[in-house]
N, C-alpha and C. Protein backbone atom coordinates (compact mmCIF):
# COMPACT_ATOMS: atom_id res chain seq x y z
N UNK A 1 0.75 -1.36 -0.18
CA UNK A 1 -0.19 0.01 -0.13
C UNK A 1 0.87 1.09 -0.05
N UNK A 2 0.58 2.22 -1.09
CA UNK A 2 1.79 2.94 -1.29
C UNK A 2 0.94 4.47 -0.83
N UNK A 3 1.66 5.08 0.31
CA UNK A 3 1.10 6.14 0.82
C UNK A 3 1.85 7.26 0.93
N UNK A 4 1.70 8.30 0.43
CA UNK A 4 2.84 9.37 0.35
C UNK A 4 3.09 9.91 1.72
N UNK A 5 4.18 10.22 2.07
CA UNK A 5 4.48 10.73 3.38
C UNK A 5 3.58 11.75 3.68
N UNK A 6 3.44 12.68 3.08
CA UNK A 6 2.75 13.74 3.02
C UNK A 6 1.46 13.80 3.37
N UNK A 7 0.84 12.72 2.83
CA UNK A 7 -0.75 12.51 3.01
C UNK A 7 -0.69 11.88 4.64
N UNK A 8 0.27 11.17 4.64
CA UNK A 8 0.38 10.53 6.28
C UNK A 8 0.88 11.75 7.31
N UNK A 9 1.44 12.61 7.11
CA UNK A 9 1.36 13.71 7.88
C UNK A 9 0.24 14.50 8.31
N UNK A 10 -0.73 14.84 7.02
CA UNK A 10 -1.91 15.74 6.80
C UNK A 10 -2.79 15.00 7.37
N UNK A 11 -2.84 13.63 7.18
CA UNK A 11 -3.66 12.42 8.23
C UNK A 11 -3.69 12.49 9.66
N UNK A 12 -2.36 12.55 9.97
CA UNK A 12 -2.21 12.96 11.57
C UNK A 12 -2.56 13.89 12.14
N UNK A 13 -2.50 15.03 11.19
CA UNK A 13 -2.83 16.46 11.61
C UNK A 13 -4.45 16.85 11.71
N UNK A 14 -5.02 15.99 10.98
CA UNK A 14 -6.55 15.94 10.62
C UNK A 14 -7.13 15.16 11.83
N UNK A 15 -6.55 13.89 11.92
CA UNK A 15 -6.76 13.06 13.18
C UNK A 15 -6.52 14.04 14.43
N UNK A 16 -5.61 14.62 14.85
CA UNK A 16 -5.49 15.19 16.25
C UNK A 16 -6.54 16.00 16.48
N UNK A 17 -6.49 16.67 15.12
CA UNK A 17 -7.45 17.94 15.47
C UNK A 17 -8.89 17.61 15.46
N UNK A 18 -9.46 16.20 14.82
CA UNK A 18 -10.86 15.91 15.47
C UNK A 18 -10.82 15.35 16.44
N UNK A 19 -9.93 14.50 16.86
CA UNK A 19 -9.55 13.93 18.26
C UNK A 19 -9.78 15.02 19.51
N UNK A 20 -9.14 16.12 19.23
CA UNK A 20 -9.33 17.03 20.12
C UNK A 20 -10.97 17.81 20.32
N UNK A 21 -11.19 17.96 19.24
CA UNK A 21 -12.75 18.62 19.10
C UNK A 21 -13.67 17.82 19.47
N UNK A 22 -13.59 16.45 19.21
CA UNK A 22 -14.58 15.53 19.96
C UNK A 22 -14.29 15.12 21.21
N UNK A 23 -13.12 14.76 21.47
CA UNK A 23 -13.22 14.40 23.09
C UNK A 23 -13.09 15.43 24.16
N UNK A 24 -12.32 16.40 23.59
CA UNK A 24 -12.38 17.80 24.39
C UNK A 24 -13.45 18.59 24.77
N UNK A 25 -14.04 18.17 25.81
CA UNK A 25 -15.47 19.02 25.93
C UNK A 25 -14.93 20.45 26.49
N UNK A 26 -16.02 21.43 26.56
CA UNK A 26 -15.87 22.53 27.19
C UNK A 26 -15.46 22.63 28.75
N UNK A 27 -15.86 21.46 29.25
CA UNK A 27 -15.63 21.78 30.74
C UNK A 27 -14.57 20.84 30.65
N UNK A 28 -13.79 20.37 30.26
CA UNK A 28 -12.37 20.08 30.84
C UNK A 28 -11.40 21.48 30.44
N UNK A 29 -11.73 21.84 29.18
CA UNK A 29 -10.53 23.07 28.83
C UNK A 29 -10.90 24.23 29.82
N UNK A 30 -11.95 24.27 30.47
CA UNK A 30 -12.63 25.62 31.16
C UNK A 30 -12.11 25.24 32.60
N UNK A 31 -11.56 24.07 32.95
CA UNK A 31 -11.23 23.98 34.25
C UNK A 31 -9.72 24.60 34.36
N UNK A 32 -9.53 25.64 35.29
CA UNK A 32 -7.95 26.13 35.39
C UNK A 32 -6.93 25.38 35.53
N UNK A 33 -7.38 24.27 36.33
CA UNK A 33 -6.49 23.30 36.48
C UNK A 33 -5.95 22.54 35.48
N UNK A 34 -6.99 22.09 34.62
CA UNK A 34 -6.42 21.29 33.17
C UNK A 34 -5.77 22.11 32.51
N UNK A 35 -6.04 23.56 32.56
CA UNK A 35 -5.66 24.10 31.45
C UNK A 35 -4.17 24.60 31.73
N UNK A 36 -3.90 24.66 33.36
CA UNK A 36 -2.54 24.60 33.93
C UNK A 36 -1.63 23.51 33.58
N UNK A 37 -2.39 22.33 33.42
CA UNK A 37 -1.53 20.90 33.17
C UNK A 37 -1.07 20.84 31.63
N UNK A 38 -2.45 21.44 30.73
CA UNK A 38 -1.82 21.54 29.51
C UNK A 38 -0.91 22.49 28.68
N UNK A 39 -0.82 23.27 29.79
CA UNK A 39 0.29 24.54 29.30
C UNK A 39 1.66 24.05 29.56
N UNK A 40 1.69 23.29 30.66
CA UNK A 40 2.66 22.66 30.95
C UNK A 40 3.19 21.99 30.14
N UNK A 41 2.57 20.78 29.79
CA UNK A 41 2.52 19.65 28.67
C UNK A 41 3.10 20.11 27.42
N UNK A 42 2.60 21.47 27.29
CA UNK A 42 2.80 22.04 25.90
C UNK A 42 4.39 22.69 26.14
N UNK A 43 4.70 23.18 27.02
CA UNK A 43 6.32 23.70 27.00
C UNK A 43 6.98 22.84 27.14
N UNK A 44 7.00 21.70 28.29
CA UNK A 44 7.71 20.57 28.02
C UNK A 44 7.89 19.82 26.43
N UNK A 45 6.72 19.80 25.66
CA UNK A 45 7.00 19.04 24.38
C UNK A 45 7.43 20.45 23.67
N UNK A 46 7.39 21.33 23.73
CA UNK A 46 7.84 22.24 22.83
C UNK A 46 9.46 22.79 23.08
N UNK A 47 9.93 22.70 24.53
CA UNK A 47 11.13 22.57 24.65
C UNK A 47 11.90 21.36 23.88
N UNK A 48 11.66 20.27 23.92
CA UNK A 48 11.66 18.77 23.91
C UNK A 48 12.13 19.10 21.99
N UNK A 49 10.46 19.50 21.66
CA UNK A 49 10.62 19.50 20.21
C UNK A 49 11.47 20.30 19.48
N UNK A 50 12.06 21.45 19.98
CA UNK A 50 13.18 22.22 19.73
C UNK A 50 14.29 21.58 19.70
N UNK A 51 14.75 21.33 20.79
CA UNK A 51 16.02 20.90 20.93
C UNK A 51 16.11 19.54 19.74
N UNK A 52 15.27 18.79 19.76
CA UNK A 52 15.40 17.53 18.63
C UNK A 52 15.70 18.14 17.67
N UNK A 53 14.63 19.32 16.92
CA UNK A 53 15.04 19.80 15.51
C UNK A 53 16.18 20.33 15.27
N UNK A 54 16.90 21.16 16.75
CA UNK A 54 18.40 21.55 16.52
C UNK A 54 19.17 20.57 16.34
N UNK A 55 19.04 19.63 17.13
CA UNK A 55 19.98 18.20 17.10
C UNK A 55 20.01 17.59 15.68
N UNK A 56 18.87 17.61 15.05
CA UNK A 56 18.83 17.14 13.69
C UNK A 56 19.48 17.99 13.01
N UNK A 57 19.33 19.31 13.29
CA UNK A 57 20.14 20.26 12.29
C UNK A 57 21.76 20.20 12.34
N UNK A 58 22.39 19.77 13.67
CA UNK A 58 23.45 19.51 13.58
C UNK A 58 24.08 18.69 13.26
N UNK A 59 22.97 17.32 13.19
CA UNK A 59 23.56 16.11 12.67
C UNK A 59 23.61 16.41 11.19
N UNK A 60 22.53 16.98 10.31
CA UNK A 60 22.40 17.28 9.18
C UNK A 60 23.91 17.88 8.63
N UNK A 61 24.42 19.04 9.35
CA UNK A 61 25.47 19.72 8.93
C UNK A 61 26.75 19.14 9.30
N UNK A 62 26.46 17.68 9.82
CA UNK A 62 28.09 16.97 10.11
C UNK A 62 28.44 16.29 9.07
N UNK A 63 27.07 15.72 8.49
CA UNK A 63 27.38 14.72 7.04
C UNK A 63 27.25 15.56 5.83
N UNK A 64 28.49 15.20 4.77
CA UNK A 64 28.54 15.62 3.53
C UNK A 64 27.99 14.98 2.83
N UNK A 65 26.81 14.47 2.24
CA UNK A 65 26.47 14.04 1.14
C UNK A 65 26.55 14.95 -0.04
N UNK A 66 27.69 14.35 -0.94
CA UNK A 66 27.53 15.01 -2.16
C UNK A 66 26.97 14.73 -3.41
N UNK A 67 26.05 13.80 -3.34
CA UNK A 67 25.19 13.58 -4.67
C UNK A 67 24.69 14.63 -5.13
N UNK A 68 24.00 15.08 -6.38
CA UNK A 68 23.41 16.08 -6.85
C UNK A 68 22.10 15.77 -6.61
N UNK A 69 21.50 17.04 -6.74
CA UNK A 69 19.98 16.67 -6.72
C UNK A 69 19.55 18.02 -7.68
N UNK A 70 18.41 17.48 -8.71
CA UNK A 70 17.98 18.69 -9.46
C UNK A 70 16.27 18.71 -9.28
N UNK A 71 15.82 19.63 -8.81
CA UNK A 71 14.28 19.69 -8.77
C UNK A 71 13.98 21.17 -8.76
N UNK A 72 12.62 21.11 -8.98
CA UNK A 72 11.64 22.45 -8.87
C UNK A 72 11.44 22.69 -7.82
N UNK A 73 11.47 23.90 -6.93
CA UNK A 73 11.06 23.76 -5.62
C UNK A 73 9.34 24.26 -5.92
N UNK A 74 8.84 24.24 -4.43
CA UNK A 74 7.63 24.93 -4.48
C UNK A 74 7.33 26.06 -5.32
N UNK A 75 5.88 26.36 -5.91
CA UNK A 75 6.14 27.83 -6.14
C UNK A 75 5.65 28.64 -5.25
N UNK A 76 6.49 29.91 -5.31
CA UNK A 76 6.00 31.14 -4.44
C UNK A 76 6.80 32.45 -5.05
N UNK A 77 6.42 33.22 -4.80
CA UNK A 77 6.86 34.83 -5.28
C UNK A 77 8.28 34.94 -5.28
N UNK A 78 8.94 34.52 -4.61
CA UNK A 78 10.34 34.40 -4.51
C UNK A 78 11.11 33.47 -5.37
N UNK A 79 10.63 32.65 -5.89
CA UNK A 79 11.55 31.80 -7.03
C UNK A 79 10.96 31.42 -8.16
N UNK A 80 10.05 32.76 -8.61
CA UNK A 80 9.90 32.53 -10.05
C UNK A 80 10.70 33.45 -11.05
N UNK A 81 10.76 32.77 -12.27
CA UNK A 81 11.76 33.78 -13.11
C UNK A 81 10.75 34.92 -13.51
N UNK A 82 11.06 35.93 -14.77
CA UNK A 82 9.96 36.93 -15.35
C UNK A 82 8.81 35.79 -16.42
N UNK A 83 9.08 34.87 -16.72
CA UNK A 83 8.46 34.08 -17.50
C UNK A 83 7.37 33.47 -16.91
N UNK A 84 7.23 33.66 -15.48
CA UNK A 84 6.22 32.74 -14.77
C UNK A 84 6.62 31.47 -14.26
N UNK A 85 7.55 30.73 -15.15
CA UNK A 85 8.07 29.31 -14.71
C UNK A 85 9.20 29.31 -13.65
N UNK A 86 9.21 28.08 -12.86
CA UNK A 86 10.23 28.08 -11.80
C UNK A 86 11.44 27.73 -12.49
N UNK A 87 12.53 27.93 -11.79
CA UNK A 87 13.78 27.88 -11.96
C UNK A 87 13.80 26.17 -11.19
N UNK A 88 14.87 25.48 -12.46
CA UNK A 88 15.03 24.36 -11.55
C UNK A 88 16.58 24.57 -11.12
N UNK A 89 16.39 24.13 -9.53
CA UNK A 89 17.81 24.09 -8.69
C UNK A 89 18.44 23.05 -8.94
N UNK A 90 19.81 23.05 -8.63
CA UNK A 90 20.84 21.84 -8.59
C UNK A 90 21.35 22.28 -7.07
N UNK A 91 21.25 21.01 -6.21
CA UNK A 91 22.15 21.29 -4.93
C UNK A 91 22.39 19.75 -4.54
N UNK A 92 23.11 19.86 -3.70
CA UNK A 92 23.73 18.47 -3.10
C UNK A 92 22.56 18.17 -2.05
N UNK A 93 23.05 16.83 -1.45
CA UNK A 93 21.60 16.28 -0.77
C UNK A 93 21.93 16.96 0.64
N UNK A 94 23.18 17.31 1.17
CA UNK A 94 23.34 17.89 2.44
C UNK A 94 22.90 19.50 1.96
N UNK A 95 23.11 20.17 1.16
CA UNK A 95 22.44 21.44 0.99
C UNK A 95 20.81 21.38 1.29
N UNK A 96 20.56 20.39 0.64
CA UNK A 96 19.08 20.02 0.46
C UNK A 96 18.58 19.85 1.66
N UNK A 97 18.89 18.88 2.42
CA UNK A 97 18.64 18.76 4.12
C UNK A 97 18.76 19.95 4.70
N UNK A 98 19.79 20.41 4.79
CA UNK A 98 19.86 21.43 5.93
C UNK A 98 19.06 22.76 5.56
N UNK A 99 18.70 22.95 4.20
CA UNK A 99 17.82 24.06 3.99
C UNK A 99 16.37 23.51 4.27
N UNK A 100 16.15 22.06 4.11
CA UNK A 100 14.51 22.06 4.77
C UNK A 100 14.56 21.55 6.04
N UNK A 101 15.37 21.51 7.02
CA UNK A 101 15.25 21.27 8.17
C UNK A 101 15.52 22.95 8.81
N UNK A 102 16.13 23.92 8.16
CA UNK A 102 16.04 25.24 8.61
C UNK A 102 14.51 25.55 8.56
N UNK A 103 14.09 25.45 7.32
CA UNK A 103 12.82 25.92 7.01
C UNK A 103 11.63 25.03 8.47
N UNK A 104 11.93 23.95 8.50
CA UNK A 104 11.22 23.23 9.43
C UNK A 104 11.57 23.72 11.14
N UNK A 105 12.73 24.39 11.20
CA UNK A 105 12.94 25.04 12.70
C UNK A 105 11.92 26.42 12.84
N UNK A 106 12.14 26.90 11.39
CA UNK A 106 11.79 28.56 11.28
C UNK A 106 10.04 28.22 11.44
N UNK A 107 9.25 27.57 10.96
CA UNK A 107 8.10 27.39 11.08
C UNK A 107 7.78 26.63 12.61
N UNK A 108 8.38 25.74 12.99
CA UNK A 108 8.32 25.47 14.60
C UNK A 108 8.43 26.72 15.51
N UNK A 109 9.45 27.49 15.29
CA UNK A 109 9.50 28.47 16.43
C UNK A 109 8.21 29.74 16.09
N UNK A 110 7.96 29.82 14.98
CA UNK A 110 6.60 30.69 14.60
C UNK A 110 5.33 30.26 15.23
N UNK A 111 5.27 29.01 15.04
CA UNK A 111 4.12 28.17 15.35
C UNK A 111 3.81 28.21 16.86
N UNK A 112 5.23 27.74 17.36
CA UNK A 112 5.45 28.21 19.14
C UNK A 112 4.73 29.08 19.62
N UNK A 113 5.49 30.25 19.32
CA UNK A 113 5.20 31.54 19.68
C UNK A 113 3.34 31.90 19.33
N UNK A 114 3.23 31.62 18.15
CA UNK A 114 1.69 31.92 17.89
C UNK A 114 0.55 31.28 18.76
N UNK A 115 0.95 29.95 19.46
CA UNK A 115 0.05 29.23 20.36
C UNK A 115 -0.03 29.44 21.27
N UNK A 116 1.42 30.02 21.84
CA UNK A 116 1.26 30.84 23.17
C UNK A 116 0.87 32.18 23.29
N UNK A 117 0.85 32.82 22.27
CA UNK A 117 0.30 34.08 22.04
C UNK A 117 -1.52 33.74 22.23
N UNK A 118 -2.23 32.66 21.47
CA UNK A 118 -3.45 32.76 21.51
C UNK A 118 -3.91 32.08 22.72
N UNK A 119 -2.90 31.32 23.47
CA UNK A 119 -2.98 30.58 24.75
C UNK A 119 -3.55 31.65 25.68
N UNK A 120 -2.54 32.72 25.80
CA UNK A 120 -2.57 33.45 26.98
C UNK A 120 -3.72 34.59 26.51
N UNK A 121 -3.72 35.10 25.20
CA UNK A 121 -4.58 36.34 24.90
C UNK A 121 -5.85 35.75 25.03
N UNK A 122 -6.21 34.94 24.25
CA UNK A 122 -7.67 34.38 24.07
C UNK A 122 -8.24 33.02 24.81
N UNK A 123 -7.19 32.92 25.71
CA UNK A 123 -7.43 31.30 26.41
C UNK A 123 -7.99 30.13 25.61
N UNK A 124 -6.99 30.21 24.78
CA UNK A 124 -7.32 28.76 23.74
C UNK A 124 -6.39 27.67 23.78
N UNK A 125 -7.21 26.57 24.40
CA UNK A 125 -5.89 25.51 24.75
C UNK A 125 -5.98 24.48 23.63
N UNK A 126 -7.10 24.17 22.66
CA UNK A 126 -6.96 23.02 21.78
C UNK A 126 -5.63 23.13 20.68
N UNK A 127 -5.27 24.30 20.24
CA UNK A 127 -3.98 24.14 19.53
C UNK A 127 -2.68 23.56 20.31
N UNK A 128 -2.88 24.09 21.64
CA UNK A 128 -1.69 23.75 22.48
C UNK A 128 -1.68 22.13 22.81
N UNK A 129 -2.54 21.56 22.84
CA UNK A 129 -2.97 19.82 22.88
C UNK A 129 -2.21 19.38 21.25
N UNK A 130 -2.77 19.85 20.43
CA UNK A 130 -2.43 19.38 19.01
C UNK A 130 -1.02 19.52 18.84
N UNK A 131 -0.11 20.99 19.31
CA UNK A 131 1.02 21.16 19.23
C UNK A 131 2.02 19.83 20.13
N UNK A 132 1.41 19.57 21.20
CA UNK A 132 1.87 18.87 21.94
C UNK A 132 2.13 17.67 21.53
N UNK A 133 1.41 17.01 21.09
CA UNK A 133 1.22 15.79 20.23
C UNK A 133 1.99 15.54 18.78
N UNK A 134 2.45 17.04 17.99
CA UNK A 134 3.22 16.91 17.12
C UNK A 134 4.64 16.44 16.95
N UNK A 135 5.25 16.36 18.01
CA UNK A 135 6.28 15.72 18.19
C UNK A 135 6.60 14.31 17.74
N UNK A 136 5.22 13.80 17.82
CA UNK A 136 5.10 12.14 17.67
C UNK A 136 5.28 12.44 15.92
N UNK A 137 4.57 13.18 15.23
CA UNK A 137 4.84 13.27 13.84
C UNK A 137 6.15 13.84 13.32
N UNK A 138 6.77 14.41 14.18
CA UNK A 138 7.91 14.64 13.81
C UNK A 138 9.04 13.66 13.70
N UNK A 139 8.59 12.76 14.92
CA UNK A 139 9.53 11.73 15.35
C UNK A 139 9.46 10.15 14.13
N UNK A 140 8.14 10.27 13.94
CA UNK A 140 8.17 9.23 13.04
C UNK A 140 7.38 9.46 11.14
N UNK A 141 7.27 10.83 11.08
CA UNK A 141 6.83 11.04 9.61
C UNK A 141 7.50 12.51 9.31
N UNK A 142 8.77 12.44 9.71
CA UNK A 142 9.49 13.82 8.94
C UNK A 142 10.60 13.25 8.44
N UNK A 143 10.56 13.24 6.73
CA UNK A 143 11.86 12.73 6.29
C UNK A 143 13.09 12.66 6.82
N UNK A 144 13.85 13.59 7.24
CA UNK A 144 15.22 13.80 7.96
C UNK A 144 15.43 13.26 8.91
N UNK A 145 14.40 12.97 9.68
CA UNK A 145 14.51 12.25 10.88
C UNK A 145 14.67 10.79 10.63
N UNK A 146 13.78 10.37 9.39
CA UNK A 146 14.20 8.85 8.94
C UNK A 146 15.35 8.70 8.45
N UNK A 147 16.08 9.57 7.77
CA UNK A 147 17.60 8.99 7.14
C UNK A 147 18.54 9.27 8.31
N UNK A 148 18.61 10.56 9.05
CA UNK A 148 19.53 11.03 10.04
C UNK A 148 19.46 10.41 11.62
N UNK A 149 18.29 10.00 11.71
CA UNK A 149 18.28 9.14 13.14
C UNK A 149 17.89 7.84 13.21
N UNK A 150 17.19 7.29 12.08
CA UNK A 150 16.95 5.81 11.85
C UNK A 150 17.59 5.32 10.98
N UNK A 151 18.28 6.15 10.39
CA UNK A 151 19.14 5.35 8.98
C UNK A 151 18.52 4.97 7.80
N UNK A 152 17.48 5.10 7.54
CA UNK A 152 16.65 4.52 6.44
C UNK A 152 16.71 5.30 5.15
N UNK A 153 16.69 4.95 4.15
CA UNK A 153 17.00 5.88 2.91
C UNK A 153 15.64 6.47 2.85
N UNK A 154 15.96 7.74 2.07
CA UNK A 154 14.99 8.54 1.57
C UNK A 154 15.23 9.08 0.23
N UNK A 155 14.20 9.49 -0.52
CA UNK A 155 14.12 10.13 -1.81
C UNK A 155 14.17 11.66 -1.33
N UNK A 156 14.86 12.51 -2.44
CA UNK A 156 14.63 14.01 -2.32
C UNK A 156 14.40 14.27 -3.55
N UNK A 157 13.24 15.07 -3.84
CA UNK A 157 12.73 16.21 -2.75
C UNK A 157 11.60 15.28 -2.11
N UNK A 158 11.51 15.49 -0.85
CA UNK A 158 10.70 14.77 0.15
C UNK A 158 9.41 14.54 -0.05
N UNK A 159 8.88 15.35 -1.03
CA UNK A 159 7.69 14.87 -1.25
C UNK A 159 6.91 13.69 -2.33
N UNK A 160 8.32 13.11 -2.52
CA UNK A 160 8.21 12.06 -3.64
C UNK A 160 8.44 10.41 -2.62
N UNK A 161 8.62 11.10 -1.35
CA UNK A 161 8.76 9.63 -0.37
C UNK A 161 7.16 9.29 0.12
N UNK A 162 7.39 7.39 0.24
CA UNK A 162 5.98 6.82 0.67
C UNK A 162 6.28 6.56 1.82
N UNK A 163 5.35 6.04 2.73
CA UNK A 163 5.44 5.44 3.71
C UNK A 163 4.85 3.83 3.35
N UNK A 164 5.57 3.31 4.16
CA UNK A 164 5.45 1.37 3.82
C UNK A 164 5.82 0.86 2.38
N UNK A 165 6.72 1.92 1.98
CA UNK A 165 7.38 1.29 0.78
C UNK A 165 9.04 1.86 0.81
N UNK A 166 9.94 1.01 0.45
CA UNK A 166 11.20 1.45 0.14
C UNK A 166 11.40 1.72 -1.42
N UNK A 167 11.98 3.15 -0.99
CA UNK A 167 12.35 3.67 -2.32
C UNK A 167 13.32 2.82 -3.20
N UNK A 168 13.07 2.85 -4.62
CA UNK A 168 13.97 2.14 -5.17
C UNK A 168 15.29 2.56 -5.62
N UNK A 169 15.49 3.92 -5.71
CA UNK A 169 17.24 4.28 -5.83
C UNK A 169 17.42 5.37 -5.01
N UNK A 170 18.57 5.31 -4.05
CA UNK A 170 18.71 6.31 -3.07
C UNK A 170 20.25 6.43 -3.23
N UNK A 171 20.83 7.72 -2.85
CA UNK A 171 22.26 8.36 -3.03
C UNK A 171 22.82 7.58 -1.72
N UNK A 172 23.92 7.81 -1.38
CA UNK A 172 24.77 7.54 -0.48
C UNK A 172 24.10 7.92 0.78
N UNK A 173 23.73 7.30 2.20
CA UNK A 173 22.92 7.76 3.34
C UNK A 173 23.97 7.81 4.26
N UNK A 174 23.53 8.51 5.33
CA UNK A 174 24.57 8.70 6.31
C UNK A 174 24.69 7.11 7.03
N UNK A 175 23.70 5.85 7.13
CA UNK A 175 23.99 4.59 7.43
C UNK A 175 25.08 4.04 6.63
N UNK A 176 25.14 3.87 5.10
CA UNK A 176 26.06 3.43 4.01
C UNK A 176 27.53 4.23 4.86
N UNK A 177 27.55 5.39 4.89
CA UNK A 177 29.02 5.74 5.34
C UNK A 177 29.72 5.07 6.22
N UNK A 178 28.93 4.89 7.53
CA UNK A 178 28.92 3.95 8.70
C UNK A 178 29.49 2.78 8.47
N UNK A 179 28.68 2.19 7.67
CA UNK A 179 29.43 0.73 6.99
C UNK A 179 30.39 0.73 6.40
N UNK A 180 30.90 1.82 5.70
CA UNK A 180 32.39 1.49 4.77
C UNK A 180 33.38 2.06 5.58
N UNK A 181 33.15 2.73 6.78
CA UNK A 181 34.27 3.35 7.87
C UNK A 181 34.60 2.03 8.73
N UNK A 182 33.48 1.24 8.87
CA UNK A 182 33.39 -0.15 9.60
C UNK A 182 34.22 -0.93 8.84
N UNK A 183 34.16 -1.39 7.46
CA UNK A 183 34.98 -2.53 6.77
C UNK A 183 36.68 -1.67 6.28
N UNK A 184 36.94 -0.35 6.18
CA UNK A 184 38.31 -0.02 6.22
C UNK A 184 39.02 -0.60 7.47
C-alpha cells in the first residue's frame, strides 16, 4: 500500500484535530487546573521538540552527502522567473537537507510563539494540545529524521517519499558511510 509521506502527515494532523474537537469538551478545557497542566505539557513538549530539531540540524550539518539533486522548488513569489516558470535548482543532498531542516525550525518557532499568544490572549487550549502531540509526527513522519536518526533511505525532494514502501533508488546515506568506515 503506497501512501505518500505528506498524506500521512496531513492525516495525522487532521486526526489529532478531530480527536481534540470530539473528546475535549468545554468543561475539561474551562477548568483552570486542566488548562495549567495542558500549558505545562505544551511547554515541555515544545522545548523537547525544538531541541530535537536543533540536534537534527547539527547532525545534518555533520554529514557531507555530495550526490547532486535537481528539482523544482514549490511555487512562491520568491522563486519565479520573469516568464512565470520555476527555475530548476541543483544542490547537493546535504545542502537540500540543511535548507529543509532550517525551514522546519523556523516554522516550529513561529508556530510555538503563535500558540503561546493564542493561549494567553484568548485562552484557547486546543492548539496547545495539538502542538504537544505533534512531536510524534516529527519523530515518525518527517523525512530527515528517517535518514539521520533511523538510518532509513529517503528520496529527495521529500514529497516523493512513501510510507510502507522502500524507495527504488537512493544515493549514499549516512548509514552507508558508517558501514564503509567499519569495513576499512
